[in-house]
Amino acid sequence: MGPEGLTVLNSIMMRGNGTNKLNGIMLYEQGPEAGEIRFVIQYQNLPKGATVAPECGIPGPQPPIVLTPTIVSTFPAFTTGLVSSIPARYAGTIYFTAVAGQGIFLMHR
């Protein structure tokens, strides 16, 4: 089976720093074959109106693994994503950020 049939599920705990921002990270490593990869990101328990912006700044994928800030429109689960052509043996860290109104994440401390 080629990369187009691969499904990878990862859970990332996003942590706050006492502000209105949560952060998480995940290492992505492509195997020995290049492929078109569908990144589907599901956020849990973020309030409607928060913004999410996953990104990986390491060049190589086309389009880059970057989403402009997207407004969370459903609760308790919100899904977003993108499709990108990833070169063989590509590796990079995907950073996940969520931002909401001040004090909204107090329950996550």
N, C-alpha and C. Protein backbone atom coordinates (compact mmCIF):
# COMPACT_ATOMS: atom_id res chain seq x y z
N MET A 1 0.84 -1.17 0.00
CA MET A 1 0.00 0.00 0.00
C MET A 1 0.89 1.24 0.00
N GLY A 2 0.61 2.19 -0.86
CA GLY A 2 1.37 3.43 -0.95
C GLY A 2 0.95 4.42 0.12
N PRO A 3 1.62 5.55 0.17
CA PRO A 3 1.32 6.56 1.20
C PRO A 3 -0.12 7.06 1.16
N GLU A 4 -0.78 7.01 -0.02
CA GLU A 4 -2.13 7.51 -0.11
C GLU A 4 -3.12 6.70 0.72
N GLY A 5 -2.77 5.48 1.11
CA GLY A 5 -3.65 4.66 1.91
C GLY A 5 -3.31 4.65 3.38
N LEU A 6 -2.37 5.45 3.78
CA LEU A 6 -1.89 5.44 5.16
C LEU A 6 -2.72 6.38 6.04
N THR A 7 -3.09 5.90 7.20
CA THR A 7 -3.78 6.73 8.17
C THR A 7 -2.95 6.75 9.44
N VAL A 8 -2.64 7.92 9.92
CA VAL A 8 -1.89 8.06 11.16
C VAL A 8 -2.73 8.87 12.13
N LEU A 9 -2.95 8.33 13.30
CA LEU A 9 -3.71 9.04 14.33
C LEU A 9 -2.78 9.37 15.48
N ASN A 10 -2.75 10.61 15.85
CA ASN A 10 -1.94 11.05 16.98
C ASN A 10 -2.80 11.93 17.87
N SER A 11 -2.60 11.82 19.16
CA SER A 11 -3.24 12.72 20.11
C SER A 11 -2.19 13.66 20.65
N ILE A 12 -2.53 14.93 20.68
CA ILE A 12 -1.61 15.94 21.19
C ILE A 12 -2.32 16.70 22.29
N MET A 13 -1.71 16.75 23.44
CA MET A 13 -2.28 17.54 24.53
C MET A 13 -1.79 18.96 24.36
N MET A 14 -2.71 19.87 24.19
CA MET A 14 -2.34 21.27 24.06
C MET A 14 -2.31 21.87 25.46
N ARG A 15 -1.27 22.60 25.75
CA ARG A 15 -1.08 23.15 27.09
C ARG A 15 -1.11 24.67 27.04
N GLY A 16 -1.73 25.24 28.06
CA GLY A 16 -1.79 26.70 28.19
C GLY A 16 -0.68 27.20 29.09
N ASN A 17 -0.44 28.49 29.02
CA ASN A 17 0.58 29.09 29.87
C ASN A 17 -0.02 30.19 30.74
N GLY A 18 -1.30 30.06 31.06
CA GLY A 18 -1.96 31.06 31.87
C GLY A 18 -2.51 32.22 31.06
N THR A 19 -2.41 32.14 29.73
CA THR A 19 -2.93 33.19 28.86
C THR A 19 -4.11 32.61 28.07
N ASN A 20 -4.47 33.27 27.01
CA ASN A 20 -5.57 32.79 26.17
C ASN A 20 -5.06 31.94 25.02
N LYS A 21 -3.86 31.36 25.14
CA LYS A 21 -3.25 30.60 24.06
C LYS A 21 -2.87 29.19 24.53
N LEU A 22 -3.19 28.19 23.70
CA LEU A 22 -2.77 26.81 23.95
C LEU A 22 -1.81 26.41 22.84
N ASN A 23 -0.82 25.59 23.17
CA ASN A 23 0.17 25.15 22.19
C ASN A 23 0.37 23.64 22.27
N GLY A 24 0.67 23.03 21.12
CA GLY A 24 1.02 21.62 21.04
C GLY A 24 1.98 21.40 19.89
N ILE A 25 2.74 20.30 19.93
CA ILE A 25 3.67 19.99 18.85
C ILE A 25 3.60 18.51 18.49
N MET A 26 3.97 18.20 17.25
CA MET A 26 4.03 16.82 16.78
C MET A 26 5.11 16.72 15.71
N LEU A 27 5.97 15.73 15.81
CA LEU A 27 6.98 15.48 14.80
C LEU A 27 6.33 14.69 13.66
N TYR A 28 6.53 15.16 12.42
CA TYR A 28 6.05 14.42 11.24
C TYR A 28 7.26 13.94 10.47
N GLU A 29 7.30 12.65 10.14
CA GLU A 29 8.38 12.08 9.35
C GLU A 29 7.78 11.28 8.20
N GLN A 30 8.14 11.66 6.98
CA GLN A 30 7.70 10.93 5.79
C GLN A 30 8.66 9.77 5.56
N GLY A 31 8.15 8.66 5.12
CA GLY A 31 8.97 7.48 4.84
C GLY A 31 9.80 7.63 3.58
N PRO A 32 10.27 6.52 3.03
CA PRO A 32 11.17 6.56 1.88
C PRO A 32 10.49 6.94 0.56
N GLU A 33 9.16 7.00 0.54
CA GLU A 33 8.44 7.37 -0.68
C GLU A 33 7.76 8.72 -0.50
N ALA A 34 7.82 9.52 -1.56
CA ALA A 34 7.06 10.78 -1.56
C ALA A 34 5.59 10.43 -1.71
N GLY A 35 4.72 11.34 -1.34
CA GLY A 35 3.30 11.06 -1.49
C GLY A 35 2.43 12.26 -1.21
N GLU A 36 1.20 12.18 -1.70
CA GLU A 36 0.21 13.20 -1.39
C GLU A 36 -0.47 12.78 -0.10
N ILE A 37 -0.34 13.61 0.91
CA ILE A 37 -0.82 13.27 2.25
C ILE A 37 -1.95 14.22 2.64
N ARG A 38 -3.01 13.63 3.18
CA ARG A 38 -4.14 14.42 3.69
C ARG A 38 -3.97 14.55 5.20
N PHE A 39 -3.76 15.78 5.65
CA PHE A 39 -3.65 16.07 7.08
C PHE A 39 -5.04 16.48 7.56
N VAL A 40 -5.63 15.68 8.41
CA VAL A 40 -6.94 15.98 8.99
C VAL A 40 -6.70 16.19 10.49
N ILE A 41 -7.06 17.36 10.96
CA ILE A 41 -6.80 17.72 12.35
C ILE A 41 -8.13 17.95 13.05
N GLN A 42 -8.37 17.17 14.10
CA GLN A 42 -9.60 17.34 14.86
C GLN A 42 -9.26 17.85 16.25
N TYR A 43 -9.83 18.98 16.58
CA TYR A 43 -9.65 19.58 17.90
C TYR A 43 -10.86 19.22 18.76
N GLN A 44 -10.61 18.97 20.04
CA GLN A 44 -11.67 18.63 20.99
C GLN A 44 -11.78 19.71 22.06
N ASN A 45 -13.00 20.08 22.39
CA ASN A 45 -13.31 20.96 23.52
C ASN A 45 -12.73 22.37 23.41
N LEU A 46 -12.55 22.86 22.20
CA LEU A 46 -12.20 24.27 22.04
C LEU A 46 -13.50 25.06 21.88
N PRO A 47 -13.61 26.21 22.49
CA PRO A 47 -14.86 26.98 22.38
C PRO A 47 -15.05 27.54 20.97
N LYS A 48 -16.32 27.66 20.56
CA LYS A 48 -16.62 28.33 19.30
C LYS A 48 -16.03 29.73 19.35
N GLY A 49 -15.50 30.18 18.21
CA GLY A 49 -14.90 31.51 18.14
C GLY A 49 -13.40 31.52 18.38
N ALA A 50 -12.84 30.44 18.96
CA ALA A 50 -11.39 30.35 19.10
C ALA A 50 -10.79 30.24 17.70
N THR A 51 -9.52 30.54 17.55
CA THR A 51 -8.85 30.34 16.27
C THR A 51 -7.78 29.27 16.43
N VAL A 52 -7.58 28.48 15.38
CA VAL A 52 -6.55 27.45 15.35
C VAL A 52 -5.67 27.69 14.13
N ALA A 53 -4.38 27.37 14.26
CA ALA A 53 -3.45 27.63 13.17
C ALA A 53 -2.28 26.63 13.22
N PRO A 54 -2.48 25.41 12.68
CA PRO A 54 -1.36 24.47 12.63
C PRO A 54 -0.37 24.88 11.54
N GLU A 55 0.93 24.67 11.80
CA GLU A 55 1.92 25.00 10.78
C GLU A 55 3.23 24.26 11.02
N CYS A 56 3.94 24.01 9.92
CA CYS A 56 5.28 23.45 9.95
C CYS A 56 6.13 24.32 9.03
N GLY A 57 7.13 24.98 9.57
CA GLY A 57 7.92 25.93 8.81
C GLY A 57 9.06 25.34 8.00
N ILE A 58 9.26 24.03 8.05
CA ILE A 58 10.34 23.40 7.29
C ILE A 58 9.92 23.30 5.83
N PRO A 59 10.66 23.91 4.89
CA PRO A 59 10.27 23.88 3.49
C PRO A 59 10.34 22.48 2.89
N GLY A 60 9.58 22.26 1.84
CA GLY A 60 9.59 20.98 1.13
C GLY A 60 8.22 20.59 0.63
N PRO A 61 7.22 20.47 1.52
CA PRO A 61 5.88 20.11 1.08
C PRO A 61 5.27 21.19 0.19
N GLN A 62 4.45 20.75 -0.77
CA GLN A 62 3.75 21.68 -1.66
C GLN A 62 2.27 21.33 -1.67
N PRO A 63 1.39 22.17 -1.21
CA PRO A 63 1.68 23.42 -0.52
C PRO A 63 2.28 23.15 0.85
N PRO A 64 2.89 24.17 1.45
CA PRO A 64 3.47 23.99 2.80
C PRO A 64 2.40 23.54 3.80
N ILE A 65 2.84 22.90 4.86
CA ILE A 65 1.94 22.44 5.92
C ILE A 65 1.65 23.65 6.82
N VAL A 66 0.77 24.51 6.36
CA VAL A 66 0.42 25.73 7.07
C VAL A 66 -1.04 26.04 6.79
N LEU A 67 -1.80 26.33 7.81
CA LEU A 67 -3.16 26.82 7.65
C LEU A 67 -3.25 28.21 8.25
N THR A 68 -3.86 29.12 7.52
CA THR A 68 -4.08 30.45 8.09
C THR A 68 -5.01 30.28 9.29
N PRO A 69 -4.97 31.20 10.26
CA PRO A 69 -5.86 31.06 11.41
C PRO A 69 -7.31 30.83 10.99
N THR A 70 -7.88 29.76 11.53
CA THR A 70 -9.23 29.33 11.19
C THR A 70 -10.11 29.40 12.43
N ILE A 71 -11.31 29.93 12.29
CA ILE A 71 -12.21 30.09 13.44
C ILE A 71 -12.94 28.78 13.72
N VAL A 72 -12.91 28.36 14.98
CA VAL A 72 -13.63 27.16 15.42
C VAL A 72 -15.13 27.46 15.34
N SER A 73 -15.86 26.62 14.59
CA SER A 73 -17.28 26.88 14.38
C SER A 73 -18.20 25.81 14.96
N THR A 74 -17.62 24.71 15.47
CA THR A 74 -18.45 23.65 16.06
C THR A 74 -17.85 23.22 17.40
N PHE A 75 -18.71 22.73 18.28
CA PHE A 75 -18.29 22.25 19.60
C PHE A 75 -19.06 20.97 19.89
N PRO A 76 -18.47 19.94 20.44
CA PRO A 76 -17.17 19.89 21.10
C PRO A 76 -16.01 19.53 20.17
N ALA A 77 -16.30 19.10 18.93
CA ALA A 77 -15.22 18.73 18.01
C ALA A 77 -15.21 19.67 16.81
N PHE A 78 -14.02 20.06 16.38
CA PHE A 78 -13.84 20.90 15.20
C PHE A 78 -12.76 20.27 14.35
N THR A 79 -13.03 20.12 13.04
CA THR A 79 -12.09 19.47 12.14
C THR A 79 -11.67 20.42 11.03
N THR A 80 -10.39 20.42 10.73
CA THR A 80 -9.84 21.18 9.61
C THR A 80 -8.69 20.37 9.02
N GLY A 81 -8.10 20.82 7.94
CA GLY A 81 -6.98 20.09 7.37
C GLY A 81 -6.56 20.60 6.01
N LEU A 82 -5.65 19.86 5.39
CA LEU A 82 -5.15 20.20 4.07
C LEU A 82 -4.53 18.98 3.43
N VAL A 83 -4.33 19.06 2.11
CA VAL A 83 -3.65 18.01 1.36
C VAL A 83 -2.36 18.61 0.83
N SER A 84 -1.25 17.89 0.97
CA SER A 84 0.05 18.39 0.55
C SER A 84 0.88 17.27 -0.05
N SER A 85 1.67 17.59 -1.06
CA SER A 85 2.63 16.64 -1.61
C SER A 85 3.90 16.71 -0.77
N ILE A 86 4.26 15.58 -0.17
CA ILE A 86 5.37 15.54 0.77
C ILE A 86 6.54 14.79 0.12
N PRO A 87 7.75 15.38 0.12
CA PRO A 87 8.90 14.69 -0.45
C PRO A 87 9.33 13.49 0.41
N ALA A 88 9.98 12.54 -0.22
CA ALA A 88 10.51 11.38 0.49
C ALA A 88 11.46 11.83 1.59
N ARG A 89 11.40 11.17 2.72
CA ARG A 89 12.27 11.39 3.88
C ARG A 89 12.17 12.81 4.48
N TYR A 90 11.09 13.48 4.20
CA TYR A 90 10.85 14.80 4.81
C TYR A 90 10.59 14.63 6.30
N ALA A 91 11.08 15.54 7.10
CA ALA A 91 10.80 15.55 8.54
C ALA A 91 10.63 17.00 8.99
N GLY A 92 9.66 17.21 9.84
CA GLY A 92 9.44 18.55 10.37
C GLY A 92 8.51 18.50 11.57
N THR A 93 8.53 19.53 12.36
CA THR A 93 7.68 19.62 13.54
C THR A 93 6.47 20.47 13.19
N ILE A 94 5.28 19.93 13.46
CA ILE A 94 4.04 20.66 13.25
C ILE A 94 3.66 21.30 14.59
N TYR A 95 3.46 22.60 14.55
CA TYR A 95 3.07 23.35 15.75
C TYR A 95 1.58 23.64 15.68
N PHE A 96 0.88 23.37 16.76
CA PHE A 96 -0.55 23.62 16.85
C PHE A 96 -0.78 24.75 17.84
N THR A 97 -1.55 25.74 17.44
CA THR A 97 -1.86 26.86 18.31
C THR A 97 -3.36 27.10 18.30
N ALA A 98 -3.92 27.36 19.47
CA ALA A 98 -5.33 27.75 19.59
C ALA A 98 -5.38 29.00 20.45
N VAL A 99 -6.17 29.97 20.01
CA VAL A 99 -6.29 31.23 20.74
C VAL A 99 -7.77 31.55 20.92
N ALA A 100 -8.15 31.95 22.12
CA ALA A 100 -9.54 32.33 22.40
C ALA A 100 -9.53 33.57 23.30
N GLY A 101 -10.73 34.05 23.62
CA GLY A 101 -10.85 35.22 24.50
C GLY A 101 -10.17 34.99 25.82
N GLN A 102 -9.64 36.04 26.41
CA GLN A 102 -8.92 35.95 27.69
C GLN A 102 -9.73 35.20 28.74
N GLY A 103 -9.12 34.24 29.40
CA GLY A 103 -9.76 33.51 30.48
C GLY A 103 -10.56 32.30 30.04
N ILE A 104 -10.75 32.10 28.74
CA ILE A 104 -11.59 31.01 28.27
C ILE A 104 -10.99 29.63 28.56
N PHE A 105 -9.65 29.55 28.67
CA PHE A 105 -9.00 28.26 28.88
C PHE A 105 -8.69 27.97 30.35
N LEU A 106 -9.22 28.74 31.28
CA LEU A 106 -8.92 28.54 32.68
C LEU A 106 -9.20 27.12 33.14
N MET A 107 -10.21 26.46 32.57
CA MET A 107 -10.55 25.10 32.99
C MET A 107 -9.48 24.10 32.59
N HIS A 108 -8.53 24.45 31.71
CA HIS A 108 -7.52 23.51 31.23
C HIS A 108 -6.22 23.57 32.04
N ARG A 109 -6.15 24.39 33.06
CA ARG A 109 -4.92 24.52 33.83
C ARG A 109 -4.63 23.27 34.62
